[in-house]
């Protein structure tokens, strides 16, 4: 049985590992490639762990060099980047199904007819 961690660094590292197995690196081939989806997922998990808002998380990441190293962040994301990532990654979870980001890469996205 796994024990619950009180270390934010350990939680972030575990969330990054889970994100790497479940999410594609980037949502689009044309994305700017500033942050990977697993990095953003790990930051969203850390937001819940630290019980803070997006701006508070950004301030913590800016001051926490060791956390940036664990997550492989070259720069600190803007709070809106995290909010958009949360909307994109967690959209399907609220409806009880997987979001588009969590679908297997081989399955096409179903087209809706007008």
N, C-alpha and C. Protein backbone atom coordinates (compact mmCIF):
# COMPACT_ATOMS: atom_id res chain seq x y z
N UNK A 1 0.84 -1.18 0.00
CA UNK A 1 0.00 0.00 0.00
C UNK A 1 0.88 1.24 0.00
N UNK A 2 0.56 2.19 -0.85
CA UNK A 2 1.31 3.43 -0.92
C UNK A 2 0.89 4.37 0.21
N UNK A 3 1.84 5.11 0.71
CA UNK A 3 1.51 6.09 1.73
C UNK A 3 1.30 7.44 1.07
N UNK A 4 0.51 8.28 1.70
CA UNK A 4 0.30 9.62 1.19
C UNK A 4 1.53 10.45 1.46
N UNK A 5 1.89 11.27 0.51
CA UNK A 5 3.08 12.09 0.65
C UNK A 5 2.70 13.48 1.15
N UNK A 6 3.53 14.00 2.01
CA UNK A 6 3.38 15.37 2.48
C UNK A 6 4.32 16.31 1.72
N UNK A 7 5.14 15.75 0.84
CA UNK A 7 6.13 16.52 0.09
C UNK A 7 5.55 16.98 -1.24
N UNK A 8 5.52 18.28 -1.44
CA UNK A 8 5.02 18.83 -2.70
C UNK A 8 5.90 18.42 -3.86
N UNK A 9 7.20 18.30 -3.63
CA UNK A 9 8.11 17.89 -4.70
C UNK A 9 7.84 16.46 -5.13
N UNK A 10 7.57 15.58 -4.19
CA UNK A 10 7.28 14.19 -4.51
C UNK A 10 5.94 14.08 -5.25
N UNK A 11 4.96 14.84 -4.80
CA UNK A 11 3.65 14.84 -5.47
C UNK A 11 3.80 15.34 -6.91
N UNK A 12 4.56 16.41 -7.09
CA UNK A 12 4.77 16.96 -8.43
C UNK A 12 5.49 15.95 -9.33
N UNK A 13 6.49 15.27 -8.79
CA UNK A 13 7.21 14.27 -9.57
C UNK A 13 6.33 13.10 -9.97
N UNK A 14 5.49 12.63 -9.05
CA UNK A 14 4.56 11.54 -9.35
C UNK A 14 3.52 11.97 -10.38
N UNK A 15 3.01 13.18 -10.24
CA UNK A 15 2.02 13.68 -11.19
C UNK A 15 2.63 13.83 -12.58
N UNK A 16 3.88 14.26 -12.64
CA UNK A 16 4.57 14.38 -13.93
C UNK A 16 4.73 13.00 -14.57
N UNK A 17 5.08 12.00 -13.78
CA UNK A 17 5.24 10.64 -14.31
C UNK A 17 3.91 10.10 -14.83
N UNK A 18 2.84 10.32 -14.08
CA UNK A 18 1.52 9.87 -14.52
C UNK A 18 1.11 10.61 -15.79
N UNK A 19 1.35 11.90 -15.83
CA UNK A 19 1.02 12.69 -17.02
C UNK A 19 1.76 12.23 -18.25
N UNK A 20 3.01 11.84 -18.08
CA UNK A 20 3.81 11.37 -19.23
C UNK A 20 3.26 10.07 -19.80
N UNK A 21 2.68 9.22 -18.95
CA UNK A 21 2.14 7.96 -19.45
C UNK A 21 0.74 8.14 -20.05
N UNK A 22 -0.03 9.13 -19.58
CA UNK A 22 -1.42 9.25 -20.00
C UNK A 22 -1.68 10.33 -21.05
N UNK A 23 -0.77 11.29 -21.17
CA UNK A 23 -1.02 12.43 -22.05
C UNK A 23 0.03 12.53 -23.15
N UNK A 24 -0.37 13.01 -24.33
CA UNK A 24 0.64 13.32 -25.34
C UNK A 24 1.45 14.53 -24.88
N UNK A 25 2.65 14.65 -25.38
CA UNK A 25 3.52 15.75 -24.95
C UNK A 25 2.88 17.11 -25.23
N UNK A 26 2.29 17.27 -26.40
CA UNK A 26 1.70 18.55 -26.78
C UNK A 26 0.30 18.32 -27.33
N UNK A 27 -0.58 19.28 -27.11
CA UNK A 27 -1.95 19.15 -27.58
C UNK A 27 -2.08 19.29 -29.08
N UNK A 28 -1.12 19.98 -29.69
CA UNK A 28 -1.15 20.20 -31.13
C UNK A 28 0.28 20.23 -31.66
N UNK A 29 0.41 19.79 -32.89
CA UNK A 29 1.72 19.85 -33.55
C UNK A 29 2.18 21.30 -33.68
N UNK A 30 1.24 22.22 -33.74
CA UNK A 30 1.55 23.63 -33.95
C UNK A 30 1.67 24.43 -32.66
N UNK A 31 1.62 23.78 -31.51
CA UNK A 31 1.73 24.51 -30.25
C UNK A 31 3.13 25.11 -30.11
N UNK A 32 3.27 26.09 -29.24
CA UNK A 32 4.54 26.78 -29.07
C UNK A 32 5.60 25.93 -28.38
N UNK A 33 5.22 24.84 -27.79
CA UNK A 33 6.15 23.93 -27.10
C UNK A 33 6.86 24.59 -25.93
N UNK A 34 6.17 25.52 -25.26
CA UNK A 34 6.74 26.12 -24.05
C UNK A 34 6.63 25.16 -22.88
N UNK A 35 5.49 24.51 -22.75
CA UNK A 35 5.23 23.58 -21.64
C UNK A 35 4.58 22.33 -22.22
N UNK A 36 4.95 21.18 -21.70
CA UNK A 36 4.29 19.95 -22.13
C UNK A 36 2.99 19.79 -21.35
N UNK A 37 2.08 19.00 -21.90
CA UNK A 37 0.83 18.74 -21.18
C UNK A 37 1.08 18.02 -19.86
N UNK A 38 2.05 17.09 -19.79
CA UNK A 38 2.35 16.49 -18.48
C UNK A 38 2.85 17.52 -17.45
N UNK A 39 3.63 18.50 -17.88
CA UNK A 39 4.08 19.54 -16.95
C UNK A 39 2.89 20.35 -16.44
N UNK A 40 1.99 20.71 -17.34
CA UNK A 40 0.82 21.48 -16.93
C UNK A 40 -0.09 20.66 -16.03
N UNK A 41 -0.23 19.37 -16.34
CA UNK A 41 -1.03 18.48 -15.49
C UNK A 41 -0.42 18.42 -14.09
N UNK A 42 0.90 18.28 -14.00
CA UNK A 42 1.56 18.22 -12.70
C UNK A 42 1.36 19.52 -11.92
N UNK A 43 1.39 20.65 -12.61
CA UNK A 43 1.15 21.92 -11.93
C UNK A 43 -0.29 22.01 -11.42
N UNK A 44 -1.23 21.47 -12.18
CA UNK A 44 -2.63 21.49 -11.73
C UNK A 44 -2.83 20.59 -10.52
N UNK A 45 -2.15 19.45 -10.50
CA UNK A 45 -2.21 18.57 -9.33
C UNK A 45 -1.60 19.29 -8.12
N UNK A 46 -0.48 19.96 -8.35
CA UNK A 46 0.18 20.70 -7.27
C UNK A 46 -0.71 21.83 -6.75
N UNK A 47 -1.47 22.46 -7.64
CA UNK A 47 -2.41 23.51 -7.22
C UNK A 47 -3.40 22.96 -6.21
N UNK A 48 -3.92 21.78 -6.48
CA UNK A 48 -4.86 21.15 -5.54
C UNK A 48 -4.15 20.75 -4.25
N UNK A 49 -2.94 20.22 -4.37
CA UNK A 49 -2.19 19.77 -3.20
C UNK A 49 -1.89 20.94 -2.26
N UNK A 50 -1.50 22.07 -2.84
CA UNK A 50 -1.15 23.25 -2.03
C UNK A 50 -2.38 24.07 -1.63
N UNK A 51 -3.54 23.72 -2.18
CA UNK A 51 -4.79 24.43 -1.88
C UNK A 51 -4.65 25.93 -2.14
N UNK A 52 -4.26 26.24 -3.35
CA UNK A 52 -4.06 27.63 -3.73
C UNK A 52 -4.77 27.89 -5.05
N UNK A 53 -4.76 29.15 -5.47
CA UNK A 53 -5.35 29.49 -6.76
C UNK A 53 -4.23 29.57 -7.81
N UNK A 54 -4.60 29.91 -9.05
CA UNK A 54 -3.62 29.92 -10.14
C UNK A 54 -2.51 30.94 -9.88
N UNK A 55 -2.88 32.12 -9.43
CA UNK A 55 -1.87 33.15 -9.18
C UNK A 55 -0.95 32.77 -8.02
N UNK A 56 -1.51 32.15 -7.00
CA UNK A 56 -0.69 31.68 -5.89
C UNK A 56 0.28 30.60 -6.31
N UNK A 57 -0.18 29.71 -7.18
CA UNK A 57 0.70 28.65 -7.68
C UNK A 57 1.83 29.23 -8.51
N UNK A 58 1.52 30.20 -9.36
CA UNK A 58 2.55 30.83 -10.18
C UNK A 58 3.59 31.51 -9.29
N UNK A 59 3.16 32.18 -8.23
CA UNK A 59 4.09 32.82 -7.31
C UNK A 59 4.97 31.78 -6.62
N UNK A 60 4.39 30.65 -6.22
CA UNK A 60 5.16 29.59 -5.57
C UNK A 60 6.18 28.99 -6.52
N UNK A 61 5.78 28.75 -7.76
CA UNK A 61 6.69 28.17 -8.75
C UNK A 61 7.83 29.14 -9.05
N UNK A 62 7.52 30.43 -9.11
CA UNK A 62 8.55 31.43 -9.39
C UNK A 62 9.62 31.47 -8.30
N UNK A 63 9.23 31.21 -7.06
CA UNK A 63 10.17 31.27 -5.94
C UNK A 63 10.81 29.92 -5.63
N UNK A 64 10.36 28.85 -6.25
CA UNK A 64 10.76 27.50 -5.87
C UNK A 64 11.58 26.85 -6.98
N UNK A 65 12.87 27.08 -6.96
CA UNK A 65 13.76 26.60 -8.02
C UNK A 65 13.79 25.07 -8.09
N UNK A 66 13.80 24.41 -6.95
CA UNK A 66 13.86 22.95 -6.94
C UNK A 66 12.62 22.34 -7.61
N UNK A 67 11.48 22.96 -7.42
CA UNK A 67 10.25 22.49 -8.07
C UNK A 67 10.36 22.65 -9.58
N UNK A 68 10.88 23.79 -10.03
CA UNK A 68 11.05 23.99 -11.47
C UNK A 68 12.00 22.95 -12.06
N UNK A 69 13.01 22.55 -11.30
CA UNK A 69 13.94 21.52 -11.78
C UNK A 69 13.26 20.16 -11.85
N UNK A 70 12.46 19.81 -10.85
CA UNK A 70 11.75 18.53 -10.84
C UNK A 70 10.82 18.43 -12.04
N UNK A 71 10.15 19.53 -12.36
CA UNK A 71 9.19 19.54 -13.47
C UNK A 71 9.83 19.84 -14.82
N UNK A 72 11.09 20.25 -14.81
CA UNK A 72 11.77 20.56 -16.07
C UNK A 72 11.28 21.85 -16.71
N UNK A 73 10.88 22.81 -15.89
CA UNK A 73 10.38 24.08 -16.41
C UNK A 73 11.53 25.05 -16.65
N UNK A 74 11.60 25.60 -17.86
CA UNK A 74 12.61 26.61 -18.16
C UNK A 74 12.14 28.00 -17.76
N UNK A 75 10.81 28.19 -17.75
CA UNK A 75 10.24 29.47 -17.33
C UNK A 75 8.93 29.21 -16.60
N UNK A 76 8.45 30.21 -15.92
CA UNK A 76 7.23 30.08 -15.11
C UNK A 76 6.03 30.42 -15.99
N UNK A 77 5.02 29.56 -16.01
CA UNK A 77 3.84 29.86 -16.84
C UNK A 77 3.00 30.99 -16.25
N UNK A 78 2.30 31.69 -17.13
CA UNK A 78 1.34 32.70 -16.71
C UNK A 78 0.13 31.98 -16.11
N UNK A 79 -0.54 32.63 -15.18
CA UNK A 79 -1.67 31.96 -14.53
C UNK A 79 -2.76 31.58 -15.54
N UNK A 80 -2.92 32.36 -16.60
CA UNK A 80 -3.95 32.03 -17.59
C UNK A 80 -3.59 30.76 -18.36
N UNK A 81 -2.31 30.48 -18.52
CA UNK A 81 -1.89 29.23 -19.17
C UNK A 81 -2.39 28.04 -18.36
N UNK A 82 -2.29 28.13 -17.05
CA UNK A 82 -2.76 27.05 -16.18
C UNK A 82 -4.29 26.95 -16.22
N UNK A 83 -4.97 28.08 -16.26
CA UNK A 83 -6.43 28.06 -16.31
C UNK A 83 -6.92 27.43 -17.61
N UNK A 84 -6.29 27.79 -18.73
CA UNK A 84 -6.68 27.20 -20.02
C UNK A 84 -6.36 25.71 -20.05
N UNK A 85 -5.23 25.33 -19.46
CA UNK A 85 -4.86 23.91 -19.42
C UNK A 85 -5.86 23.13 -18.57
N UNK A 86 -6.29 23.70 -17.47
CA UNK A 86 -7.28 23.03 -16.62
C UNK A 86 -8.58 22.83 -17.39
N UNK A 87 -8.99 23.85 -18.10
CA UNK A 87 -10.22 23.73 -18.88
C UNK A 87 -10.08 22.65 -19.95
N UNK A 88 -8.94 22.62 -20.63
CA UNK A 88 -8.71 21.67 -21.71
C UNK A 88 -8.54 20.24 -21.20
N UNK A 89 -7.74 20.06 -20.16
CA UNK A 89 -7.42 18.72 -19.68
C UNK A 89 -8.53 18.11 -18.83
N UNK A 90 -9.28 18.93 -18.14
CA UNK A 90 -10.28 18.41 -17.21
C UNK A 90 -11.71 18.56 -17.71
N UNK A 91 -11.89 19.03 -18.93
CA UNK A 91 -13.24 19.28 -19.45
C UNK A 91 -14.09 18.03 -19.45
N UNK A 92 -13.56 16.92 -19.92
CA UNK A 92 -14.34 15.69 -19.99
C UNK A 92 -14.55 15.04 -18.63
N UNK A 93 -13.65 15.29 -17.70
CA UNK A 93 -13.75 14.67 -16.38
C UNK A 93 -15.00 15.14 -15.64
N UNK A 94 -15.40 16.38 -15.86
CA UNK A 94 -16.60 16.91 -15.20
C UNK A 94 -17.86 16.24 -15.73
N UNK A 95 -17.80 15.76 -16.98
CA UNK A 95 -18.95 15.10 -17.59
C UNK A 95 -18.93 13.60 -17.37
N UNK A 96 -17.92 13.11 -16.69
CA UNK A 96 -17.85 11.68 -16.40
C UNK A 96 -17.10 10.87 -17.43
N UNK A 97 -16.52 11.50 -18.40
CA UNK A 97 -15.77 10.78 -19.44
C UNK A 97 -14.41 11.38 -19.63
N UNK A 98 -13.59 10.73 -20.44
CA UNK A 98 -12.25 11.27 -20.67
C UNK A 98 -12.30 12.51 -21.54
N UNK A 99 -11.39 13.42 -21.30
CA UNK A 99 -11.31 14.61 -22.14
C UNK A 99 -10.59 14.24 -23.42
N UNK A 100 -10.56 15.14 -24.36
CA UNK A 100 -9.90 14.89 -25.63
C UNK A 100 -8.42 14.61 -25.46
N UNK A 101 -7.82 15.19 -24.44
CA UNK A 101 -6.39 15.00 -24.23
C UNK A 101 -6.07 13.60 -23.72
N UNK A 102 -7.04 12.92 -23.11
CA UNK A 102 -6.78 11.61 -22.54
C UNK A 102 -7.19 10.46 -23.45
N UNK A 103 -7.68 10.76 -24.64
CA UNK A 103 -8.02 9.70 -25.57
C UNK A 103 -6.74 9.07 -26.10
N UNK A 104 -6.78 7.79 -26.40
CA UNK A 104 -5.61 7.17 -27.04
C UNK A 104 -5.32 7.89 -28.35
N UNK A 105 -4.06 8.05 -28.66
CA UNK A 105 -3.68 8.81 -29.83
C UNK A 105 -4.13 8.17 -31.13
N UNK A 106 -4.36 6.87 -31.14
CA UNK A 106 -4.73 6.18 -32.37
C UNK A 106 -6.20 6.35 -32.72
N UNK A 107 -7.05 6.66 -31.74
CA UNK A 107 -8.47 6.77 -32.03
C UNK A 107 -8.81 8.18 -32.50
N UNK A 108 -9.52 8.29 -33.61
CA UNK A 108 -9.88 9.62 -34.11
C UNK A 108 -10.96 10.26 -33.23
N UNK A 109 -11.00 11.55 -33.26
CA UNK A 109 -12.02 12.30 -32.54
C UNK A 109 -13.29 12.23 -33.37
N UNK A 110 -14.42 11.81 -32.78
CA UNK A 110 -15.65 11.70 -33.56
C UNK A 110 -16.11 13.06 -34.08
N UNK A 111 -16.56 13.08 -35.32
CA UNK A 111 -17.04 14.32 -35.94
C UNK A 111 -18.53 14.45 -35.66
N UNK A 112 -18.97 15.65 -35.39
CA UNK A 112 -20.39 15.91 -35.16
C UNK A 112 -21.01 16.43 -36.44
N UNK A 113 -22.17 15.93 -36.75
CA UNK A 113 -22.87 16.38 -37.96
C UNK A 113 -23.76 17.56 -37.61
N UNK A 114 -23.88 18.46 -38.55
CA UNK A 114 -24.70 19.66 -38.34
C UNK A 114 -26.16 19.39 -38.50
